Amino acid sequence: MARRKASPSPATISDEVLSKLKAVIALTDAFCKRHLNEEYVAMCRRLAMALARKQPSLFVRGSREVWACGIVRTIGWANMLDDPKSSPYMKLIDIDPEFGVANSTGQGKSMAIKRMFGIGRLNPDWTLPSRLGINPVVWKVEVNGRLVDIRQESREQQKRAYRKGLIPYIFADREDGRAVDNPQDEPAVASIEGDLSSPRLISTAKALCCFGSSRRMTKR
């Protein structure tokens, strides 16, 4: 089964869009470091990169503050940031004023971003590495026409699913439920330049690039 293709080359991003990208990432980085954590830093960068590569590009329209707010809101929403049981925890409506954006504007931009990429709650592609182990959607695999939680299957079945790119890692081998680094399809954030190429930030997003397009497998 083919794994997800690597992101397009940064050369496809115009100078105008690249300038906007850097400005947006500077804002999301500052917010996430102040209020959230390094995983949010990396995931918000990844979403910003995806927006910058979207064709035709809408990224140059609108203020950098609104885009940054929408990005953080979207990643926070996908990872249950507004659930009091989550750590870190923050109400989504409290994100907007940090960027000087009205609640309706921040929510509207986030909704637009979610529609662009089909991002839903607990979306495996946008789940933080530390939350992969507790996200039930990540581990749902169709085996012989039956949807199962692969975490409840044998290690051998988990290993097969992992090799097919259906799950981010072998759950049985990770007691703490955290993802392991995956060397495949390294996020293009690493390629942009200097200040956007921190290996520490890149490593937190690697596991999210290994999912295949189908979640079916045949049980032996």
C-alpha atoms as a PDB file:
ATOM      1  CA  MET A   1       0.000   0.000   0.000  1.00  0.00           C
ATOM      2  CA  ALA A   2       1.390   3.383  -0.951  1.00  0.00           C
ATOM      3  CA  ARG A   3       2.011   5.830   1.833  1.00  0.00           C
ATOM      4  CA  ARG A   4       1.068   9.464   1.659  1.00  0.00           C
ATOM      5  CA  LYS A   5       3.161  11.469  -0.755  1.00  0.00           C
ATOM      6  CA  ALA A   6       5.591  13.989   0.615  1.00  0.00           C
ATOM      7  CA  SER A   7       4.520  17.625   0.531  1.00  0.00           C
ATOM      8  CA  PRO A   8       5.337  19.652  -2.602  1.00  0.00           C
ATOM      9  CA  SER A   9       8.603  21.559  -2.775  1.00  0.00           C
ATOM     10  CA  PRO A  10       8.704  25.003  -1.119  1.00  0.00           C
ATOM     11  CA  ALA A  11       9.766  26.315  -4.528  1.00  0.00           C
ATOM     12  CA  THR A  12       6.059  26.261  -5.474  1.00  0.00           C
ATOM     13  CA  ILE A  13       5.379  28.983  -2.892  1.00  0.00           C
ATOM     14  CA  SER A  14       5.658  32.538  -4.217  1.00  0.00           C
ATOM     15  CA  ASP A  15       7.703  35.173  -2.411  1.00  0.00           C
ATOM     16  CA  GLU A  16       4.501  36.970  -1.440  1.00  0.00           C
ATOM     17  CA  VAL A  17       2.986  33.860   0.108  1.00  0.00           C
ATOM     18  CA  LEU A  18       6.287  32.914   1.768  1.00  0.00           C
ATOM     19  CA  SER A  19       6.456  36.325   3.416  1.00  0.00           C
ATOM     20  CA  LYS A  20       2.898  35.900   4.729  1.00  0.00           C
ATOM     21  CA  LEU A  21       3.683  32.371   5.875  1.00  0.00           C
ATOM     22  CA  LYS A  22       6.634  33.521   7.971  1.00  0.00           C
ATOM     23  CA  ALA A  23       4.544  36.276   9.556  1.00  0.00           C
ATOM     24  CA  VAL A  24       1.717  33.867  10.414  1.00  0.00           C
ATOM     25  CA  ILE A  25       4.082  31.233  11.822  1.00  0.00           C
ATOM     26  CA  ALA A  26       5.780  33.860  13.995  1.00  0.00           C
ATOM     27  CA  LEU A  27       2.379  34.577  15.559  1.00  0.00           C
ATOM     28  CA  THR A  28       1.319  30.957  16.016  1.00  0.00           C
ATOM     29  CA  ASP A  29       4.735  30.031  17.436  1.00  0.00           C
ATOM     30  CA  ALA A  30       4.567  32.826  19.998  1.00  0.00           C
ATOM     31  CA  PHE A  31       1.027  31.934  21.044  1.00  0.00           C
ATOM     32  CA  CYS A  32       1.649  28.186  21.329  1.00  0.00           C
ATOM     33  CA  LYS A  33       4.864  28.650  23.292  1.00  0.00           C
ATOM     34  CA  ARG A  34       3.133  31.028  25.668  1.00  0.00           C
ATOM     35  CA  HIS A  35      -0.153  29.163  26.180  1.00  0.00           C
ATOM     36  CA  LEU A  36       0.153  25.608  24.823  1.00  0.00           C
ATOM     37  CA  ASN A  37       3.214  23.453  24.033  1.00  0.00           C
ATOM     38  CA  GLU A  38       5.780  22.450  21.400  1.00  0.00           C
ATOM     39  CA  GLU A  39       3.436  19.927  19.793  1.00  0.00           C
ATOM     40  CA  TYR A  40       0.980  22.702  19.034  1.00  0.00           C
ATOM     41  CA  VAL A  41       3.856  24.778  17.666  1.00  0.00           C
ATOM     42  CA  ALA A  42       4.729  22.018  15.179  1.00  0.00           C
ATOM     43  CA  MET A  43       1.148  21.189  14.199  1.00  0.00           C
ATOM     44  CA  CYS A  44       0.172  24.810  13.643  1.00  0.00           C
ATOM     45  CA  ARG A  45       3.268  25.219  11.455  1.00  0.00           C
ATOM     46  CA  ARG A  46       2.208  22.193   9.459  1.00  0.00           C
ATOM     47  CA  LEU A  47      -1.273  23.602   8.865  1.00  0.00           C
ATOM     48  CA  ALA A  48       0.160  26.993   7.924  1.00  0.00           C
ATOM     49  CA  MET A  49       2.397  25.252   5.378  1.00  0.00           C
ATOM     50  CA  ALA A  50      -0.582  23.380   3.936  1.00  0.00           C
ATOM     51  CA  LEU A  51      -2.487  26.654   3.580  1.00  0.00           C
ATOM     52  CA  ALA A  52       0.470  28.323   1.889  1.00  0.00           C
ATOM     53  CA  ARG A  53       0.603  25.540  -0.701  1.00  0.00           C
ATOM     54  CA  LYS A  54      -3.119  25.528  -1.366  1.00  0.00           C
ATOM     55  CA  GLN A  55      -3.792  26.351  -5.027  1.00  0.00           C
ATOM     56  CA  PRO A  56      -5.110  28.829  -5.877  1.00  0.00           C
ATOM     57  CA  SER A  57      -3.628  30.499  -2.802  1.00  0.00           C
ATOM     58  CA  LEU A  58      -5.988  32.418  -0.546  1.00  0.00           C
ATOM     59  CA  PHE A  59      -3.242  32.930   1.997  1.00  0.00           C
ATOM     60  CA  VAL A  60      -2.291  36.407   0.833  1.00  0.00           C
ATOM     61  CA  ARG A  61      -5.794  37.681   1.524  1.00  0.00           C
ATOM     62  CA  GLY A  62      -6.754  38.668   5.038  1.00  0.00           C
ATOM     63  CA  SER A  63      -4.587  39.720   7.946  1.00  0.00           C
ATOM     64  CA  ARG A  64      -1.863  37.546   9.412  1.00  0.00           C
ATOM     65  CA  GLU A  65      -3.576  37.777  12.812  1.00  0.00           C
ATOM     66  CA  VAL A  66      -6.818  36.318  11.464  1.00  0.00           C
ATOM     67  CA  TRP A  67      -5.013  33.469   9.710  1.00  0.00           C
ATOM     68  CA  ALA A  68      -2.941  32.702  12.807  1.00  0.00           C
ATOM     69  CA  CYS A  69      -6.040  32.729  14.983  1.00  0.00           C
ATOM     70  CA  GLY A  70      -7.900  30.428  12.592  1.00  0.00           C
ATOM     71  CA  ILE A  71      -4.994  27.997  12.484  1.00  0.00           C
ATOM     72  CA  VAL A  72      -4.665  27.749  16.261  1.00  0.00           C
ATOM     73  CA  ARG A  73      -8.433  27.460  16.665  1.00  0.00           C
ATOM     74  CA  THR A  74      -8.566  24.646  14.101  1.00  0.00           C
ATOM     75  CA  ILE A  75      -5.756  22.586  15.605  1.00  0.00           C
ATOM     76  CA  GLY A  76      -7.114  23.205  19.098  1.00  0.00           C
ATOM     77  CA  TRP A  77     -10.609  22.123  18.052  1.00  0.00           C
ATOM     78  CA  ALA A  78      -9.316  18.962  16.363  1.00  0.00           C
ATOM     79  CA  ASN A  79      -7.407  18.031  19.546  1.00  0.00           C
ATOM     80  CA  MET A  80     -10.144  18.803  22.092  1.00  0.00           C
ATOM     81  CA  LEU A  81      -8.242  21.778  23.503  1.00  0.00           C
ATOM     82  CA  ASP A  82     -11.532  23.079  24.920  1.00  0.00           C
ATOM     83  CA  ASP A  83     -12.132  19.898  26.928  1.00  0.00           C
ATOM     84  CA  PRO A  84     -11.369  20.614  30.626  1.00  0.00           C
ATOM     85  CA  LYS A  85      -9.827  17.135  30.856  1.00  0.00           C
ATOM     86  CA  SER A  86      -7.236  18.033  28.221  1.00  0.00           C
ATOM     87  CA  SER A  87      -3.768  19.270  29.028  1.00  0.00           C
ATOM     88  CA  PRO A  88      -3.138  21.926  27.923  1.00  0.00           C
ATOM     89  CA  TYR A  89      -6.697  23.246  28.182  1.00  0.00           C
ATOM     90  CA  MET A  90      -8.068  26.489  26.767  1.00  0.00           C
ATOM     91  CA  LYS A  91     -11.480  27.697  25.635  1.00  0.00           C
ATOM     92  CA  LEU A  92     -11.513  28.403  21.924  1.00  0.00           C
ATOM     93  CA  ILE A  93     -13.183  31.775  22.472  1.00  0.00           C
ATOM     94  CA  ASP A  94     -10.181  32.793  24.587  1.00  0.00           C
ATOM     95  CA  ILE A  95      -7.848  32.353  21.611  1.00  0.00           C
ATOM     96  CA  ASP A  96      -9.324  35.198  19.556  1.00  0.00           C
ATOM     97  CA  PRO A  97      -8.503  38.146  21.842  1.00  0.00           C
ATOM     98  CA  GLU A  98      -4.885  36.986  22.047  1.00  0.00           C
ATOM     99  CA  PHE A  99      -4.626  37.812  18.347  1.00  0.00           C
ATOM    100  CA  GLY A 100      -6.794  40.914  18.570  1.00  0.00           C
ATOM    101  CA  VAL A 101      -9.512  39.167  16.572  1.00  0.00           C
ATOM    102  CA  ALA A 102     -13.267  39.155  17.161  1.00  0.00           C
ATOM    103  CA  ASN A 103     -14.756  35.803  18.193  1.00  0.00           C
ATOM    104  CA  SER A 104     -16.975  35.657  15.096  1.00  0.00           C
ATOM    105  CA  THR A 105     -13.991  36.355  12.824  1.00  0.00           C
ATOM    106  CA  GLY A 106     -11.775  33.730  14.465  1.00  0.00           C
ATOM    107  CA  GLN A 107     -14.538  31.142  14.374  1.00  0.00           C
ATOM    108  CA  GLY A 108     -15.340  31.959  10.754  1.00  0.00           C
ATOM    109  CA  LYS A 109     -11.735  31.593   9.630  1.00  0.00           C
ATOM    110  CA  SER A 110     -11.404  28.299  11.493  1.00  0.00           C
ATOM    111  CA  MET A 111     -14.570  26.955   9.864  1.00  0.00           C
ATOM    112  CA  ALA A 112     -13.218  27.927   6.444  1.00  0.00           C
ATOM    113  CA  ILE A 113      -9.930  26.129   7.129  1.00  0.00           C
ATOM    114  CA  LYS A 114     -11.740  23.020   8.351  1.00  0.00           C
ATOM    115  CA  ARG A 115     -13.804  22.928   5.160  1.00  0.00           C
ATOM    116  CA  MET A 116     -10.692  23.343   2.997  1.00  0.00           C
ATOM    117  CA  PHE A 117      -8.993  20.269   4.460  1.00  0.00           C
ATOM    118  CA  GLY A 118     -11.945  18.254   5.762  1.00  0.00           C
ATOM    119  CA  ILE A 119     -10.686  18.542   9.328  1.00  0.00           C
ATOM    120  CA  GLY A 120     -13.020  17.071  11.931  1.00  0.00           C
ATOM    121  CA  ARG A 121     -12.807  16.404  15.630  1.00  0.00           C
ATOM    122  CA  LEU A 122     -10.188  13.735  16.371  1.00  0.00           C
ATOM    123  CA  ASN A 123      -9.001  13.764  12.743  1.00  0.00           C
ATOM    124  CA  PRO A 124      -5.990  11.372  12.745  1.00  0.00           C
ATOM    125  CA  ASP A 125      -4.038  13.530  10.278  1.00  0.00           C
ATOM    126  CA  TRP A 126      -4.134  16.510  12.646  1.00  0.00           C
ATOM    127  CA  THR A 127      -3.899  14.759  16.009  1.00  0.00           C
ATOM    128  CA  LEU A 128      -0.999  15.744  18.255  1.00  0.00           C
ATOM    129  CA  PRO A 129       1.533  12.913  18.766  1.00  0.00           C
ATOM    130  CA  SER A 130       0.816  12.790  22.492  1.00  0.00           C
ATOM    131  CA  ARG A 131      -2.885  12.251  21.784  1.00  0.00           C
ATOM    132  CA  LEU A 132      -2.565   9.521  19.141  1.00  0.00           C
ATOM    133  CA  GLY A 133      -2.756   6.767  21.738  1.00  0.00           C
ATOM    134  CA  ILE A 134      -6.070   8.023  23.159  1.00  0.00           C
ATOM    135  CA  ASN A 135      -7.713   8.971  19.875  1.00  0.00           C
ATOM    136  CA  PRO A 136     -10.097   6.076  19.043  1.00  0.00           C
ATOM    137  CA  VAL A 137     -10.423   7.149  15.397  1.00  0.00           C
ATOM    138  CA  VAL A 138      -6.698   6.547  14.803  1.00  0.00           C
ATOM    139  CA  TRP A 139      -7.015   2.869  15.693  1.00  0.00           C
ATOM    140  CA  LYS A 140     -10.178   1.935  13.802  1.00  0.00           C
ATOM    141  CA  VAL A 141      -9.204  -0.497  11.034  1.00  0.00           C
ATOM    142  CA  GLU A 142     -11.423  -2.585   8.800  1.00  0.00           C
ATOM    143  CA  VAL A 143     -10.404  -6.261   9.075  1.00  0.00           C
ATOM    144  CA  ASN A 144     -12.241  -8.682   6.786  1.00  0.00           C
ATOM    145  CA  GLY A 145     -15.130  -6.261   6.447  1.00  0.00           C
ATOM    146  CA  ARG A 146     -15.405  -5.654  10.190  1.00  0.00           C
ATOM    147  CA  LEU A 147     -14.359  -2.395  11.853  1.00  0.00           C
ATOM    148  CA  VAL A 148     -12.159  -3.141  14.858  1.00  0.00           C
ATOM    149  CA  ASP A 149     -10.065  -1.269  17.378  1.00  0.00           C
ATOM    150  CA  ILE A 150      -6.654  -2.569  16.348  1.00  0.00           C
ATOM    151  CA  ARG A 151      -5.345  -1.842  19.859  1.00  0.00           C
ATOM    152  CA  GLN A 152      -7.384  -4.809  21.057  1.00  0.00           C
ATOM    153  CA  GLU A 153      -5.924  -7.142  18.439  1.00  0.00           C
ATOM    154  CA  SER A 154      -2.696  -9.125  18.690  1.00  0.00           C
ATOM    155  CA  ARG A 155       0.678  -7.472  18.282  1.00  0.00           C
ATOM    156  CA  GLU A 156       1.109  -9.351  14.994  1.00  0.00           C
ATOM    157  CA  GLN A 157      -2.078  -7.764  13.622  1.00  0.00           C
ATOM    158  CA  GLN A 158      -0.916  -4.350  14.841  1.00  0.00           C
ATOM    159  CA  LYS A 159       2.433  -4.930  13.146  1.00  0.00           C
ATOM    160  CA  ARG A 160       0.727  -5.743   9.841  1.00  0.00           C
ATOM    161  CA  ALA A 161      -1.470  -2.652  10.105  1.00  0.00           C
ATOM    162  CA  TYR A 162       1.576  -0.510  10.836  1.00  0.00           C
ATOM    163  CA  ARG A 163       3.470  -1.899   7.844  1.00  0.00           C
ATOM    164  CA  LYS A 164       0.490  -1.053   5.626  1.00  0.00           C
ATOM    165  CA  GLY A 165       0.541   2.511   6.914  1.00  0.00           C
ATOM    166  CA  LEU A 166      -2.869   2.176   8.608  1.00  0.00           C
ATOM    167  CA  ILE A 167      -1.684   3.153  12.081  1.00  0.00           C
ATOM    168  CA  PRO A 168       1.117   5.494  13.240  1.00  0.00           C
ATOM    169  CA  TYR A 169       2.938   2.978  15.430  1.00  0.00           C
ATOM    170  CA  ILE A 170       2.580  -0.434  17.101  1.00  0.00           C
ATOM    171  CA  PHE A 171       0.422   0.315  20.112  1.00  0.00           C
ATOM    172  CA  ALA A 172       1.474  -2.808  22.011  1.00  0.00           C
ATOM    173  CA  ASP A 173       5.066  -1.533  22.043  1.00  0.00           C
ATOM    174  CA  ARG A 174       4.191   1.858  23.522  1.00  0.00           C
ATOM    175  CA  GLU A 175       2.951   1.681  27.091  1.00  0.00           C
ATOM    176  CA  ASP A 176       2.569   5.451  27.353  1.00  0.00           C
ATOM    177  CA  GLY A 177       0.634   5.687  24.072  1.00  0.00           C
ATOM    178  CA  ARG A 178       2.995   8.253  22.544  1.00  0.00           C
ATOM    179  CA  ALA A 179       4.055   8.113  18.909  1.00  0.00           C
ATOM    180  CA  VAL A 180       7.540   7.155  17.846  1.00  0.00           C
ATOM    181  CA  ASP A 181       9.518   9.119  15.298  1.00  0.00           C
ATOM    182  CA  ASN A 182       8.906   7.973  11.759  1.00  0.00           C
ATOM    183  CA  PRO A 183      11.582   8.874   9.212  1.00  0.00           C
ATOM    184  CA  GLN A 184       9.212   8.847   6.248  1.00  0.00           C
ATOM    185  CA  ASP A 185       7.737  11.907   4.544  1.00  0.00           C
ATOM    186  CA  GLU A 186       9.341  14.488   6.804  1.00  0.00           C
ATOM    187  CA  PRO A 187       7.186  17.633   6.978  1.00  0.00           C
ATOM    188  CA  ALA A 188       8.156  20.365   4.564  1.00  0.00           C
ATOM    189  CA  VAL A 189       8.460  22.815   7.449  1.00  0.00           C
ATOM    190  CA  ALA A 190      11.994  21.451   7.620  1.00  0.00           C
ATOM    191  CA  SER A 191      12.692  22.652   4.107  1.00  0.00           C
ATOM    192  CA  ILE A 192      11.607  26.253   4.276  1.00  0.00           C
ATOM    193  CA  GLU A 193      14.730  27.836   5.733  1.00  0.00           C
ATOM    194  CA  GLY A 194      16.707  28.612   8.893  1.00  0.00           C
ATOM    195  CA  ASP A 195      14.220  29.585  11.574  1.00  0.00           C
ATOM    196  CA  LEU A 196      11.609  27.109  10.286  1.00  0.00           C
ATOM    197  CA  SER A 197      13.825  24.023  10.379  1.00  0.00           C
ATOM    198  CA  SER A 198      14.161  23.113  14.056  1.00  0.00           C
ATOM    199  CA  PRO A 199      14.647  19.306  14.302  1.00  0.00           C
ATOM    200  CA  ARG A 200      12.923  19.358  17.702  1.00  0.00           C
ATOM    201  CA  LEU A 201       9.726  20.748  16.213  1.00  0.00           C
ATOM    202  CA  ILE A 202       9.891  18.510  13.168  1.00  0.00           C
ATOM    203  CA  SER A 203      10.137  15.325  15.226  1.00  0.00           C
ATOM    204  CA  THR A 204       6.794  15.930  16.935  1.00  0.00           C
ATOM    205  CA  ALA A 205       4.963  15.862  13.599  1.00  0.00           C
ATOM    206  CA  LYS A 206       6.730  12.974  11.839  1.00  0.00           C
ATOM    207  CA  ALA A 207       4.283  10.269  12.927  1.00  0.00           C
ATOM    208  CA  LEU A 208       1.411  12.133  11.307  1.00  0.00           C
ATOM    209  CA  CYS A 209       2.738  11.631   7.789  1.00  0.00           C
ATOM    210  CA  CYS A 210       2.549   7.846   7.625  1.00  0.00           C
ATOM    211  CA  PHE A 211      -1.151   7.058   7.184  1.00  0.00           C
ATOM    212  CA  GLY A 212      -2.290   5.245   4.038  1.00  0.00           C
ATOM    213  CA  SER A 213      -5.338   6.181   2.002  1.00  0.00           C
ATOM    214  CA  SER A 214      -7.257   3.007   2.903  1.00  0.00           C
ATOM    215  CA  ARG A 215      -7.865   1.568   6.347  1.00  0.00           C
ATOM    216  CA  ARG A 216      -8.621  -2.015   5.290  1.00  0.00           C
ATOM    217  CA  MET A 217      -6.620  -5.160   5.873  1.00  0.00           C
ATOM    218  CA  THR A 218      -7.166  -8.907   5.620  1.00  0.00           C
ATOM    219  CA  LYS A 219      -6.768 -10.933   8.783  1.00  0.00           C
ATOM    220  CA  ARG A 220      -4.600 -14.029   8.452  1.00  0.00           C
END
